[in-house]
Amino acid sequence: MGLWKWRRRRERSGGRRWAGPKTTSRYPEPLTLHQLWMVSLSAPVSRDRSASRTTLYPFTRIADDSARGWLAEQWEITSREGLAGRLDELSRSGYRARAQQVFGVAPLAWDAALYVDIARLGFGAGLITEAEAWTALKNIVPSVVRTYASWQEYADHYLLGRKVWQDQLSGARDGSVPAPQSAADAHLSALLDPANGTSPWNLAPWDTISHPDRAR
C-alpha cells in the first residue's frame, strides 16, 4: 500500500505555479457553512499556497491534471474504483488501526483529513461528481463529531497522528524527508489563531455542523 509513501512525498513537495483560471470562475457559488466545515476537515493536510480551503475544488486555480497527478503518483489512484477503495480504507481503519496496534493511539483526525483531501482531489480529477464528493464528505462527519468537541481537539489528534507517522519514517534512508514537526505545528497554530480572519476554522466554528445550515 502507498499510505506512508504518499504522505512522505506530499509534505516534501514545494510550491507550484498554477496557470489555470481561478477556481471561483468555475465554481462561483460560495459554500454554505456546513459545506465549508466539511471541506475544512482537510485544512491541516496541505500547507501549499495553491491549496484552496474554502471550495470543494482542492486548488485555488483550475488544475484538473494536477489533481489526477496527485492521485496517481501519491495514492496510486487512477479510477473511480481505486478512489472508492482508498476512501473506504481510510474511513474504516486507515492509519489509526496500525497506530493503535503499535502505539496505543488511534488518531481519527489524521485519517479524516486525508479522506476529505482525497475526496476533493477525486472531484478535481473528474473521477466523481460534485454530488458524489459531497456525499463522501458527509459520510465521515458522524464519526468525527462523535470523537471531537472542537477544532483544537481535532488539531491535537491530527498532530498526534503525524508524530506516529514520523516514527514510522524514522528509519527511511531514501532522501524522502518530511517537513519538520515545527512546520506542521505552525500551520495548525495559524488555523486555530482566533485573529486569523482567513482561517476556515474561524469562518466555520466547530459547532457549526451541529446547527441548521445557512449561507455564509
N, C-alpha and C. Protein backbone atom coordinates (compact mmCIF):
# COMPACT_ATOMS: atom_id res chain seq x y z
N MET A 1 0.82 -1.20 0.00
CA MET A 1 0.00 0.00 0.00
C MET A 1 0.86 1.26 0.00
N GLY A 2 0.32 2.36 -0.50
CA GLY A 2 1.11 3.57 -0.62
C GLY A 2 0.81 4.62 0.42
N LEU A 3 0.19 4.26 1.54
CA LEU A 3 -0.22 5.27 2.51
C LEU A 3 0.95 6.07 3.04
N TRP A 4 1.94 5.38 3.62
CA TRP A 4 3.05 6.10 4.22
C TRP A 4 3.86 6.81 3.14
N LYS A 5 4.03 6.18 1.98
CA LYS A 5 4.78 6.78 0.88
C LYS A 5 4.15 8.09 0.44
N TRP A 6 2.83 8.12 0.35
CA TRP A 6 2.16 9.33 -0.13
C TRP A 6 2.43 10.52 0.76
N ARG A 7 2.28 10.33 2.06
CA ARG A 7 2.45 11.46 2.96
C ARG A 7 3.89 11.97 2.95
N ARG A 8 4.85 11.07 2.77
CA ARG A 8 6.24 11.49 2.70
C ARG A 8 6.43 12.42 1.51
N ARG A 9 5.94 12.02 0.36
CA ARG A 9 6.11 12.82 -0.85
C ARG A 9 5.30 14.11 -0.77
N ARG A 10 4.10 14.02 -0.27
CA ARG A 10 3.22 15.20 -0.23
C ARG A 10 3.86 16.32 0.56
N GLU A 11 4.41 16.01 1.73
CA GLU A 11 4.97 17.05 2.56
C GLU A 11 6.29 17.57 2.00
N ARG A 12 6.94 16.77 1.23
CA ARG A 12 8.22 17.16 0.68
C ARG A 12 8.08 18.06 -0.53
N SER A 13 6.89 18.06 -1.14
CA SER A 13 6.69 18.83 -2.37
C SER A 13 6.72 20.31 -2.09
N GLY A 14 7.28 21.06 -3.04
CA GLY A 14 7.33 22.50 -2.90
C GLY A 14 6.15 23.16 -3.57
N GLY A 15 6.12 24.49 -3.55
CA GLY A 15 5.03 25.20 -4.18
C GLY A 15 5.08 25.05 -5.69
N ARG A 16 3.94 25.12 -6.32
CA ARG A 16 3.87 25.02 -7.77
C ARG A 16 3.23 26.28 -8.34
N ARG A 17 3.53 26.55 -9.60
CA ARG A 17 2.91 27.68 -10.28
C ARG A 17 1.69 27.18 -11.04
N TRP A 18 0.58 27.87 -10.86
CA TRP A 18 -0.68 27.43 -11.46
C TRP A 18 -1.09 28.44 -12.53
N ALA A 19 -1.32 27.93 -13.73
CA ALA A 19 -1.63 28.81 -14.85
C ALA A 19 -3.12 28.86 -15.17
N GLY A 20 -3.90 27.99 -14.58
CA GLY A 20 -5.32 27.93 -14.89
C GLY A 20 -6.10 29.08 -14.30
N PRO A 21 -7.36 29.23 -14.73
CA PRO A 21 -8.20 30.29 -14.17
C PRO A 21 -8.50 30.03 -12.69
N LYS A 22 -8.91 31.08 -12.00
CA LYS A 22 -9.25 30.93 -10.60
C LYS A 22 -10.41 29.95 -10.44
N THR A 23 -10.37 29.19 -9.37
CA THR A 23 -11.41 28.20 -9.11
C THR A 23 -12.79 28.83 -9.03
N THR A 24 -12.86 30.03 -8.48
CA THR A 24 -14.16 30.71 -8.33
C THR A 24 -14.79 31.08 -9.67
N SER A 25 -13.99 31.08 -10.74
CA SER A 25 -14.56 31.36 -12.06
C SER A 25 -15.38 30.17 -12.56
N ARG A 26 -15.03 28.97 -12.12
CA ARG A 26 -15.79 27.78 -12.50
C ARG A 26 -16.85 27.46 -11.45
N TYR A 27 -16.54 27.75 -10.19
CA TYR A 27 -17.45 27.45 -9.08
C TYR A 27 -17.69 28.74 -8.28
N PRO A 28 -18.50 29.65 -8.79
CA PRO A 28 -18.67 30.96 -8.15
C PRO A 28 -19.54 30.94 -6.90
N GLU A 29 -20.36 29.91 -6.73
CA GLU A 29 -21.29 29.87 -5.58
C GLU A 29 -20.53 29.59 -4.29
N PRO A 30 -20.58 30.49 -3.31
CA PRO A 30 -19.88 30.24 -2.04
C PRO A 30 -20.45 29.01 -1.33
N LEU A 31 -19.61 28.32 -0.61
CA LEU A 31 -20.07 27.17 0.16
C LEU A 31 -20.97 27.63 1.30
N THR A 32 -21.90 26.79 1.67
CA THR A 32 -22.67 27.04 2.89
C THR A 32 -21.76 26.77 4.08
N LEU A 33 -22.22 27.11 5.26
CA LEU A 33 -21.39 26.89 6.44
C LEU A 33 -21.13 25.40 6.69
N HIS A 34 -22.13 24.55 6.47
CA HIS A 34 -21.91 23.12 6.63
C HIS A 34 -20.90 22.61 5.62
N GLN A 35 -21.01 23.07 4.39
CA GLN A 35 -20.07 22.64 3.36
C GLN A 35 -18.65 23.09 3.69
N LEU A 36 -18.51 24.33 4.13
CA LEU A 36 -17.20 24.84 4.49
C LEU A 36 -16.61 24.04 5.65
N TRP A 37 -17.43 23.70 6.62
CA TRP A 37 -16.97 22.91 7.76
C TRP A 37 -16.43 21.57 7.29
N MET A 38 -17.15 20.90 6.40
CA MET A 38 -16.70 19.60 5.90
C MET A 38 -15.40 19.72 5.12
N VAL A 39 -15.31 20.71 4.25
CA VAL A 39 -14.07 20.94 3.50
C VAL A 39 -12.92 21.23 4.44
N SER A 40 -13.21 21.92 5.54
CA SER A 40 -12.18 22.34 6.49
C SER A 40 -11.55 21.18 7.24
N LEU A 41 -12.15 20.00 7.18
CA LEU A 41 -11.52 18.84 7.81
C LEU A 41 -10.17 18.53 7.17
N SER A 42 -9.99 18.93 5.92
CA SER A 42 -8.72 18.67 5.23
C SER A 42 -7.74 19.83 5.34
N ALA A 43 -8.09 20.89 6.05
CA ALA A 43 -7.24 22.08 6.13
C ALA A 43 -5.82 21.79 6.62
N PRO A 44 -5.62 20.84 7.54
CA PRO A 44 -4.25 20.60 8.00
C PRO A 44 -3.35 19.93 6.98
N VAL A 45 -3.91 19.30 5.96
CA VAL A 45 -3.13 18.40 5.11
C VAL A 45 -2.08 19.13 4.29
N SER A 46 -2.47 20.17 3.58
CA SER A 46 -1.55 20.84 2.68
C SER A 46 -1.30 22.27 3.11
N ARG A 47 -0.03 22.62 3.20
CA ARG A 47 0.33 23.98 3.56
C ARG A 47 0.64 24.83 2.32
N ASP A 48 0.56 24.24 1.14
CA ASP A 48 0.85 24.96 -0.11
C ASP A 48 -0.11 26.13 -0.30
N ARG A 49 0.39 27.20 -0.85
CA ARG A 49 -0.47 28.34 -1.16
C ARG A 49 -1.43 28.03 -2.30
N SER A 50 -1.14 26.98 -3.07
CA SER A 50 -2.03 26.59 -4.16
C SER A 50 -3.28 25.88 -3.67
N ALA A 51 -3.30 25.46 -2.40
CA ALA A 51 -4.44 24.73 -1.86
C ALA A 51 -5.58 25.68 -1.53
N SER A 52 -6.79 25.30 -1.91
CA SER A 52 -7.97 26.07 -1.54
C SER A 52 -8.61 25.47 -0.31
N ARG A 53 -8.96 26.30 0.65
CA ARG A 53 -9.60 25.82 1.88
C ARG A 53 -11.03 26.31 2.02
N THR A 54 -11.56 26.95 0.97
CA THR A 54 -12.93 27.46 1.03
C THR A 54 -13.78 27.02 -0.16
N THR A 55 -13.28 26.05 -0.93
CA THR A 55 -14.05 25.49 -2.04
C THR A 55 -13.93 23.98 -2.00
N LEU A 56 -14.90 23.31 -2.61
CA LEU A 56 -14.79 21.86 -2.71
C LEU A 56 -13.63 21.48 -3.61
N TYR A 57 -13.42 22.24 -4.68
CA TYR A 57 -12.29 22.01 -5.57
C TYR A 57 -11.01 22.23 -4.76
N PRO A 58 -10.00 21.34 -4.91
CA PRO A 58 -8.87 21.37 -3.97
C PRO A 58 -7.84 22.46 -4.17
N PHE A 59 -7.85 23.14 -5.33
CA PHE A 59 -6.84 24.15 -5.61
C PHE A 59 -7.47 25.52 -5.82
N THR A 60 -6.67 26.56 -5.65
CA THR A 60 -7.16 27.92 -5.85
C THR A 60 -7.36 28.24 -7.32
N ARG A 61 -6.66 27.51 -8.19
CA ARG A 61 -6.83 27.65 -9.63
C ARG A 61 -7.14 26.30 -10.26
N ILE A 62 -7.87 26.31 -11.36
CA ILE A 62 -8.28 25.07 -12.01
C ILE A 62 -7.03 24.33 -12.51
N ALA A 63 -6.89 23.10 -12.06
CA ALA A 63 -5.72 22.29 -12.42
C ALA A 63 -6.14 20.81 -12.35
N ASP A 64 -7.08 20.42 -13.20
CA ASP A 64 -7.59 19.05 -13.18
C ASP A 64 -6.48 18.02 -13.37
N ASP A 65 -5.54 18.31 -14.26
CA ASP A 65 -4.43 17.39 -14.50
C ASP A 65 -3.57 17.21 -13.25
N SER A 66 -3.39 18.28 -12.50
CA SER A 66 -2.62 18.19 -11.27
C SER A 66 -3.33 17.32 -10.24
N ALA A 67 -4.66 17.43 -10.17
CA ALA A 67 -5.42 16.57 -9.26
C ALA A 67 -5.25 15.11 -9.65
N ARG A 68 -5.33 14.83 -10.95
CA ARG A 68 -5.14 13.46 -11.42
C ARG A 68 -3.72 12.98 -11.12
N GLY A 69 -2.75 13.89 -11.27
CA GLY A 69 -1.37 13.53 -11.00
C GLY A 69 -1.13 13.20 -9.54
N TRP A 70 -1.70 14.04 -8.65
CA TRP A 70 -1.56 13.78 -7.22
C TRP A 70 -2.10 12.39 -6.87
N LEU A 71 -3.28 12.09 -7.35
CA LEU A 71 -3.90 10.81 -7.00
C LEU A 71 -3.11 9.63 -7.55
N ALA A 72 -2.65 9.75 -8.78
CA ALA A 72 -1.93 8.64 -9.41
C ALA A 72 -0.55 8.44 -8.79
N GLU A 73 0.18 9.52 -8.58
CA GLU A 73 1.56 9.41 -8.13
C GLU A 73 1.67 9.17 -6.63
N GLN A 74 0.80 9.81 -5.85
CA GLN A 74 0.94 9.73 -4.40
C GLN A 74 0.03 8.68 -3.75
N TRP A 75 -1.07 8.34 -4.43
CA TRP A 75 -2.00 7.38 -3.85
C TRP A 75 -2.24 6.16 -4.74
N GLU A 76 -1.68 6.17 -5.94
CA GLU A 76 -1.87 5.07 -6.89
C GLU A 76 -3.35 4.90 -7.25
N ILE A 77 -4.05 6.01 -7.32
CA ILE A 77 -5.47 6.03 -7.67
C ILE A 77 -5.62 6.56 -9.10
N THR A 78 -6.20 5.74 -9.97
CA THR A 78 -6.39 6.17 -11.36
C THR A 78 -7.81 5.89 -11.85
N SER A 79 -8.69 5.44 -10.96
CA SER A 79 -10.04 5.08 -11.37
C SER A 79 -11.02 5.37 -10.25
N ARG A 80 -12.31 5.37 -10.60
CA ARG A 80 -13.36 5.53 -9.58
C ARG A 80 -13.27 4.42 -8.55
N GLU A 81 -13.01 3.20 -9.02
CA GLU A 81 -12.94 2.05 -8.12
C GLU A 81 -11.77 2.21 -7.14
N GLY A 82 -10.65 2.66 -7.66
CA GLY A 82 -9.49 2.86 -6.79
C GLY A 82 -9.74 3.95 -5.76
N LEU A 83 -10.42 5.01 -6.19
CA LEU A 83 -10.75 6.09 -5.27
C LEU A 83 -11.69 5.60 -4.17
N ALA A 84 -12.73 4.87 -4.57
CA ALA A 84 -13.70 4.36 -3.60
C ALA A 84 -13.03 3.42 -2.61
N GLY A 85 -12.12 2.59 -3.09
CA GLY A 85 -11.44 1.65 -2.21
C GLY A 85 -10.57 2.35 -1.19
N ARG A 86 -9.86 3.39 -1.63
CA ARG A 86 -8.98 4.10 -0.71
C ARG A 86 -9.79 4.88 0.32
N LEU A 87 -10.88 5.49 -0.10
CA LEU A 87 -11.74 6.20 0.86
C LEU A 87 -12.32 5.24 1.87
N ASP A 88 -12.75 4.07 1.41
CA ASP A 88 -13.29 3.07 2.32
C ASP A 88 -12.24 2.63 3.33
N GLU A 89 -11.02 2.44 2.87
CA GLU A 89 -9.92 2.05 3.75
C GLU A 89 -9.68 3.08 4.84
N LEU A 90 -9.66 4.35 4.45
CA LEU A 90 -9.43 5.41 5.42
C LEU A 90 -10.58 5.56 6.40
N SER A 91 -11.80 5.37 5.92
CA SER A 91 -12.95 5.53 6.81
C SER A 91 -13.07 4.39 7.81
N ARG A 92 -12.63 3.20 7.40
CA ARG A 92 -12.78 2.03 8.27
C ARG A 92 -11.61 1.82 9.23
N SER A 93 -10.41 2.05 8.74
CA SER A 93 -9.24 1.78 9.59
C SER A 93 -8.11 2.77 9.35
N GLY A 94 -7.67 2.91 8.11
CA GLY A 94 -6.64 3.87 7.79
C GLY A 94 -5.37 3.67 8.59
N TYR A 95 -4.74 4.80 8.92
CA TYR A 95 -3.53 4.77 9.73
C TYR A 95 -3.82 4.43 11.19
N ARG A 96 -5.01 4.79 11.65
CA ARG A 96 -5.27 4.69 13.08
C ARG A 96 -5.28 3.26 13.57
N ALA A 97 -5.64 2.30 12.72
CA ALA A 97 -5.62 0.90 13.13
C ALA A 97 -4.20 0.46 13.42
N ARG A 98 -3.29 0.82 12.53
CA ARG A 98 -1.88 0.48 12.74
C ARG A 98 -1.31 1.22 13.93
N ALA A 99 -1.67 2.49 14.07
CA ALA A 99 -1.19 3.28 15.19
C ALA A 99 -1.68 2.72 16.52
N GLN A 100 -2.93 2.27 16.55
CA GLN A 100 -3.48 1.70 17.78
C GLN A 100 -2.73 0.43 18.16
N GLN A 101 -2.42 -0.37 17.17
CA GLN A 101 -1.73 -1.63 17.42
C GLN A 101 -0.29 -1.42 17.90
N VAL A 102 0.39 -0.45 17.32
CA VAL A 102 1.80 -0.26 17.62
C VAL A 102 2.03 0.73 18.76
N PHE A 103 1.23 1.81 18.79
CA PHE A 103 1.49 2.89 19.73
C PHE A 103 0.39 3.09 20.78
N GLY A 104 -0.74 2.41 20.63
CA GLY A 104 -1.81 2.54 21.60
C GLY A 104 -2.66 3.78 21.43
N VAL A 105 -2.59 4.42 20.26
CA VAL A 105 -3.42 5.59 19.97
C VAL A 105 -4.09 5.39 18.62
N ALA A 106 -5.24 6.02 18.44
CA ALA A 106 -5.98 5.89 17.17
C ALA A 106 -6.42 7.27 16.70
N PRO A 107 -5.54 8.02 16.06
CA PRO A 107 -5.84 9.40 15.66
C PRO A 107 -6.76 9.50 14.44
N LEU A 108 -8.06 9.51 14.69
CA LEU A 108 -9.04 9.61 13.62
C LEU A 108 -8.84 10.88 12.79
N ALA A 109 -8.45 11.97 13.42
CA ALA A 109 -8.31 13.24 12.71
C ALA A 109 -7.34 13.13 11.54
N TRP A 110 -6.28 12.40 11.71
CA TRP A 110 -5.30 12.20 10.63
C TRP A 110 -5.98 11.54 9.43
N ASP A 111 -6.71 10.44 9.68
CA ASP A 111 -7.39 9.73 8.59
C ASP A 111 -8.50 10.58 7.99
N ALA A 112 -9.24 11.31 8.82
CA ALA A 112 -10.34 12.12 8.32
C ALA A 112 -9.82 13.23 7.40
N ALA A 113 -8.71 13.85 7.78
CA ALA A 113 -8.13 14.91 6.96
C ALA A 113 -7.69 14.37 5.60
N LEU A 114 -7.05 13.19 5.61
CA LEU A 114 -6.63 12.58 4.35
C LEU A 114 -7.84 12.16 3.52
N TYR A 115 -8.85 11.63 4.17
CA TYR A 115 -10.08 11.19 3.50
C TYR A 115 -10.72 12.35 2.73
N VAL A 116 -10.89 13.48 3.39
CA VAL A 116 -11.52 14.63 2.76
C VAL A 116 -10.64 15.18 1.64
N ASP A 117 -9.33 15.20 1.87
CA ASP A 117 -8.42 15.69 0.84
C ASP A 117 -8.50 14.82 -0.41
N ILE A 118 -8.52 13.51 -0.24
CA ILE A 118 -8.58 12.61 -1.39
C ILE A 118 -9.92 12.73 -2.11
N ALA A 119 -11.01 12.85 -1.37
CA ALA A 119 -12.31 13.02 -2.00
C ALA A 119 -12.34 14.29 -2.84
N ARG A 120 -11.76 15.37 -2.32
CA ARG A 120 -11.71 16.62 -3.07
C ARG A 120 -10.84 16.48 -4.31
N LEU A 121 -9.72 15.79 -4.19
CA LEU A 121 -8.87 15.55 -5.35
C LEU A 121 -9.59 14.69 -6.38
N GLY A 122 -10.37 13.71 -5.89
CA GLY A 122 -11.14 12.88 -6.80
C GLY A 122 -12.15 13.69 -7.59
N PHE A 123 -12.75 14.66 -6.93
CA PHE A 123 -13.66 15.58 -7.63
C PHE A 123 -12.90 16.42 -8.63
N GLY A 124 -11.76 16.97 -8.20
CA GLY A 124 -10.96 17.80 -9.09
C GLY A 124 -10.45 17.03 -10.31
N ALA A 125 -10.20 15.74 -10.10
CA ALA A 125 -9.69 14.89 -11.19
C ALA A 125 -10.80 14.39 -12.11
N GLY A 126 -12.05 14.62 -11.72
CA GLY A 126 -13.17 14.17 -12.54
C GLY A 126 -13.54 12.72 -12.34
N LEU A 127 -13.03 12.09 -11.27
CA LEU A 127 -13.36 10.69 -11.01
C LEU A 127 -14.73 10.54 -10.36
N ILE A 128 -15.17 11.58 -9.67
CA ILE A 128 -16.51 11.59 -9.06
C ILE A 128 -17.14 12.95 -9.34
N THR A 129 -18.46 12.98 -9.27
CA THR A 129 -19.19 14.22 -9.49
C THR A 129 -19.18 15.07 -8.23
N GLU A 130 -19.64 16.29 -8.37
CA GLU A 130 -19.74 17.17 -7.20
C GLU A 130 -20.67 16.58 -6.15
N ALA A 131 -21.80 16.05 -6.58
CA ALA A 131 -22.75 15.44 -5.63
C ALA A 131 -22.12 14.24 -4.93
N GLU A 132 -21.38 13.44 -5.66
CA GLU A 132 -20.73 12.27 -5.06
C GLU A 132 -19.65 12.69 -4.07
N ALA A 133 -18.96 13.77 -4.37
CA ALA A 133 -17.94 14.27 -3.45
C ALA A 133 -18.57 14.73 -2.14
N TRP A 134 -19.69 15.45 -2.23
CA TRP A 134 -20.36 15.89 -1.00
C TRP A 134 -20.88 14.71 -0.21
N THR A 135 -21.38 13.70 -0.89
CA THR A 135 -21.83 12.50 -0.19
C THR A 135 -20.68 11.84 0.56
N ALA A 136 -19.52 11.78 -0.08
CA ALA A 136 -18.34 11.20 0.57
C ALA A 136 -17.96 11.99 1.81
N LEU A 137 -17.97 13.31 1.71
CA LEU A 137 -17.62 14.13 2.87
C LEU A 137 -18.63 13.95 4.00
N LYS A 138 -19.91 13.89 3.63
CA LYS A 138 -20.94 13.71 4.67
C LYS A 138 -20.78 12.39 5.40
N ASN A 139 -20.26 11.39 4.72
CA ASN A 139 -20.12 10.07 5.34
C ASN A 139 -19.12 10.05 6.49
N ILE A 140 -18.14 10.95 6.47
CA ILE A 140 -17.11 10.95 7.52
C ILE A 140 -17.51 11.82 8.71
N VAL A 141 -18.52 12.67 8.53
CA VAL A 141 -18.89 13.64 9.57
C VAL A 141 -19.32 12.99 10.88
N PRO A 142 -20.22 11.99 10.89
CA PRO A 142 -20.68 11.45 12.16
C PRO A 142 -19.56 10.94 13.07
N SER A 143 -18.61 10.22 12.52
CA SER A 143 -17.53 9.68 13.35
C SER A 143 -16.65 10.80 13.89
N VAL A 144 -16.44 11.84 13.09
CA VAL A 144 -15.62 12.97 13.55
C VAL A 144 -16.32 13.72 14.68
N VAL A 145 -17.61 13.97 14.50
CA VAL A 145 -18.36 14.71 15.52
C VAL A 145 -18.46 13.91 16.82
N ARG A 146 -18.58 12.60 16.71
CA ARG A 146 -18.62 11.77 17.92
C ARG A 146 -17.29 11.77 18.66
N THR A 147 -16.21 11.99 17.95
CA THR A 147 -14.88 11.84 18.54
C THR A 147 -14.34 13.14 19.12
N TYR A 148 -14.65 14.27 18.50
CA TYR A 148 -14.06 15.54 18.91
C TYR A 148 -15.12 16.57 19.26
N ALA A 149 -14.73 17.53 20.10
CA ALA A 149 -15.64 18.59 20.52
C ALA A 149 -15.17 19.97 20.12
N SER A 150 -14.04 20.06 19.41
CA SER A 150 -13.52 21.36 19.00
C SER A 150 -12.47 21.17 17.91
N TRP A 151 -12.19 22.26 17.20
CA TRP A 151 -11.09 22.22 16.23
C TRP A 151 -9.77 22.01 16.95
N GLN A 152 -9.66 22.49 18.17
CA GLN A 152 -8.44 22.28 18.94
C GLN A 152 -8.19 20.79 19.17
N GLU A 153 -9.22 20.07 19.58
CA GLU A 153 -9.07 18.63 19.78
C GLU A 153 -8.73 17.92 18.47
N TYR A 154 -9.39 18.35 17.42
CA TYR A 154 -9.13 17.76 16.10
C TYR A 154 -7.68 18.01 15.70
N ALA A 155 -7.20 19.24 15.90
CA ALA A 155 -5.82 19.58 15.56
C ALA A 155 -4.83 18.78 16.40
N ASP A 156 -5.11 18.64 17.69
CA ASP A 156 -4.21 17.89 18.56
C ASP A 156 -4.07 16.44 18.10
N HIS A 157 -5.18 15.83 17.72
CA HIS A 157 -5.14 14.44 17.28
C HIS A 157 -4.50 14.33 15.90
N TYR A 158 -4.70 15.34 15.05
CA TYR A 158 -4.02 15.33 13.75
C TYR A 158 -2.51 15.34 13.96
N LEU A 159 -2.03 16.22 14.84
CA LEU A 159 -0.59 16.30 15.09
C LEU A 159 -0.09 15.01 15.74
N LEU A 160 -0.90 14.40 16.57
CA LEU A 160 -0.52 13.11 17.16
C LEU A 160 -0.35 12.07 16.06
N GLY A 161 -1.29 12.05 15.13
CA GLY A 161 -1.20 11.12 14.01
C GLY A 161 0.06 11.37 13.19
N ARG A 162 0.39 12.63 13.00
CA ARG A 162 1.58 12.96 12.23
C ARG A 162 2.85 12.47 12.94
N LYS A 163 2.87 12.60 14.26
CA LYS A 163 4.04 12.13 15.01
C LYS A 163 4.18 10.62 14.91
N VAL A 164 3.05 9.92 14.94
CA VAL A 164 3.07 8.46 14.77
C VAL A 164 3.64 8.12 13.40
N TRP A 165 3.17 8.84 12.38
CA TRP A 165 3.66 8.64 11.02
C TRP A 165 5.15 8.90 10.94
N GLN A 166 5.62 9.96 11.59
CA GLN A 166 7.05 10.27 11.57
C GLN A 166 7.87 9.16 12.19
N ASP A 167 7.35 8.56 13.25
CA ASP A 167 8.05 7.43 13.86
C ASP A 167 8.22 6.29 12.86
N GLN A 168 7.20 6.09 12.02
CA GLN A 168 7.28 5.05 11.00
C GLN A 168 8.35 5.36 9.96
N LEU A 169 8.63 6.65 9.76
CA LEU A 169 9.60 7.04 8.76
C LEU A 169 11.01 7.22 9.32
N SER A 170 11.17 7.00 10.61
CA SER A 170 12.45 7.31 11.25
C SER A 170 13.62 6.54 10.66
N GLY A 171 13.33 5.36 10.07
CA GLY A 171 14.41 4.57 9.51
C GLY A 171 14.59 4.77 8.02
N ALA A 172 13.84 5.68 7.41
CA ALA A 172 13.92 5.88 5.96
C ALA A 172 15.27 6.47 5.58
N ARG A 173 15.82 5.98 4.48
CA ARG A 173 17.11 6.46 4.01
C ARG A 173 17.07 6.77 2.52
N ASP A 174 15.90 7.08 2.01
CA ASP A 174 15.78 7.30 0.57
C ASP A 174 15.73 8.77 0.20
N GLY A 175 16.01 9.63 1.16
CA GLY A 175 16.01 11.06 0.88
C GLY A 175 14.64 11.71 0.98
N SER A 176 13.60 10.91 1.26
CA SER A 176 12.24 11.45 1.34
C SER A 176 11.98 11.91 2.77
N VAL A 177 12.49 13.06 3.10
CA VAL A 177 12.41 13.56 4.46
C VAL A 177 11.19 14.47 4.60
N PRO A 178 10.32 14.20 5.58
CA PRO A 178 9.15 15.06 5.76
C PRO A 178 9.53 16.41 6.31
N ALA A 179 8.61 17.35 6.18
CA ALA A 179 8.83 18.67 6.77
C ALA A 179 8.96 18.52 8.28
N PRO A 180 9.72 19.39 8.93
CA PRO A 180 9.87 19.28 10.39
C PRO A 180 8.54 19.46 11.10
N GLN A 181 8.45 18.87 12.29
CA GLN A 181 7.21 18.96 13.06
C GLN A 181 6.86 20.42 13.33
N SER A 182 7.87 21.27 13.45
CA SER A 182 7.60 22.68 13.73
C SER A 182 6.78 23.33 12.62
N ALA A 183 6.95 22.88 11.37
CA ALA A 183 6.18 23.44 10.26
C ALA A 183 4.70 23.07 10.40
N ALA A 184 4.43 21.82 10.76
CA ALA A 184 3.05 21.38 10.98
C ALA A 184 2.45 22.10 12.18
N ASP A 185 3.24 22.25 13.25
CA ASP A 185 2.76 22.96 14.44
C ASP A 185 2.37 24.39 14.09
N ALA A 186 3.21 25.05 13.30
CA ALA A 186 2.94 26.44 12.94
C ALA A 186 1.68 26.56 12.08
N HIS A 187 1.51 25.61 11.15
CA HIS A 187 0.33 25.63 10.28
C HIS A 187 -0.95 25.45 11.10
N LEU A 188 -0.95 24.49 12.01
CA LEU A 188 -2.14 24.27 12.84
C LEU A 188 -2.39 25.45 13.77
N SER A 189 -1.33 26.06 14.28
CA SER A 189 -1.49 27.23 15.15
C SER A 189 -2.14 28.38 14.39
N ALA A 190 -1.76 28.53 13.12
CA ALA A 190 -2.36 29.60 12.30
C ALA A 190 -3.83 29.33 12.06
N LEU A 191 -4.18 28.06 11.81
CA LEU A 191 -5.58 27.71 11.61
C LEU A 191 -6.41 27.97 12.86
N LEU A 192 -5.80 27.77 14.03
CA LEU A 192 -6.51 27.91 15.30
C LEU A 192 -6.48 29.34 15.85
N ASP A 193 -5.63 30.18 15.30
CA ASP A 193 -5.48 31.55 15.80
C ASP A 193 -6.79 32.33 15.63
N PRO A 194 -7.42 32.76 16.72
CA PRO A 194 -8.69 33.48 16.59
C PRO A 194 -8.58 34.80 15.84
N ALA A 195 -7.37 35.32 15.70
CA ALA A 195 -7.16 36.58 14.98
C ALA A 195 -6.99 36.36 13.48
N ASN A 196 -6.92 35.10 13.06
CA ASN A 196 -6.73 34.79 11.64
C ASN A 196 -8.07 34.78 10.93
N GLY A 197 -8.38 35.89 10.27
CA GLY A 197 -9.68 36.03 9.62
C GLY A 197 -9.86 35.18 8.39
N THR A 198 -8.78 34.60 7.87
CA THR A 198 -8.88 33.75 6.68
C THR A 198 -8.93 32.26 7.02
N SER A 199 -8.76 31.92 8.28
CA SER A 199 -8.79 30.51 8.66
C SER A 199 -10.20 29.95 8.49
N PRO A 200 -10.36 28.84 7.77
CA PRO A 200 -11.69 28.25 7.62
C PRO A 200 -12.25 27.78 8.95
N TRP A 201 -11.37 27.50 9.91
CA TRP A 201 -11.85 27.06 11.22
C TRP A 201 -12.48 28.21 12.01
N ASN A 202 -12.10 29.43 11.68
CA ASN A 202 -12.76 30.59 12.28
C ASN A 202 -14.02 30.96 11.51
N LEU A 203 -13.99 30.74 10.20
CA LEU A 203 -15.16 31.03 9.37
C LEU A 203 -16.30 30.04 9.64
N ALA A 204 -15.93 28.80 10.00
CA ALA A 204 -16.92 27.76 10.31
C ALA A 204 -16.52 27.11 11.62
N PRO A 205 -16.89 27.72 12.76
CA PRO A 205 -16.52 27.16 14.06
C PRO A 205 -17.02 25.72 14.22
N TRP A 206 -16.44 25.02 15.18
CA TRP A 206 -16.71 23.58 15.32
C TRP A 206 -18.19 23.26 15.46
N ASP A 207 -18.93 24.04 16.25
CA ASP A 207 -20.33 23.70 16.49
C ASP A 207 -21.23 24.05 15.30
N THR A 208 -20.66 24.62 14.25
CA THR A 208 -21.43 24.95 13.04
C THR A 208 -22.18 23.74 12.51
N ILE A 209 -21.54 22.59 12.51
CA ILE A 209 -22.11 21.39 11.91
C ILE A 209 -23.28 20.86 12.73
N SER A 210 -23.41 21.31 13.96
CA SER A 210 -24.50 20.85 14.84
C SER A 210 -25.72 21.76 14.79
N HIS A 211 -25.67 22.81 14.00
CA HIS A 211 -26.78 23.75 13.85
C HIS A 211 -27.29 23.72 12.41
N PRO A 212 -28.50 24.24 12.17
CA PRO A 212 -29.01 24.27 10.79
C PRO A 212 -28.05 24.96 9.85
N ASP A 213 -27.98 24.46 8.64
CA ASP A 213 -27.08 25.04 7.64
C ASP A 213 -27.61 26.39 7.19
N ARG A 214 -26.68 27.25 6.76
CA ARG A 214 -27.08 28.54 6.21
C ARG A 214 -25.97 29.06 5.31
N ALA A 215 -26.32 30.07 4.52
CA ALA A 215 -25.34 30.67 3.63
C ALA A 215 -24.34 31.49 4.45
N ARG A 216 -23.16 31.63 3.91
CA ARG A 216 -22.14 32.44 4.59
C ARG A 216 -22.34 33.93 4.31
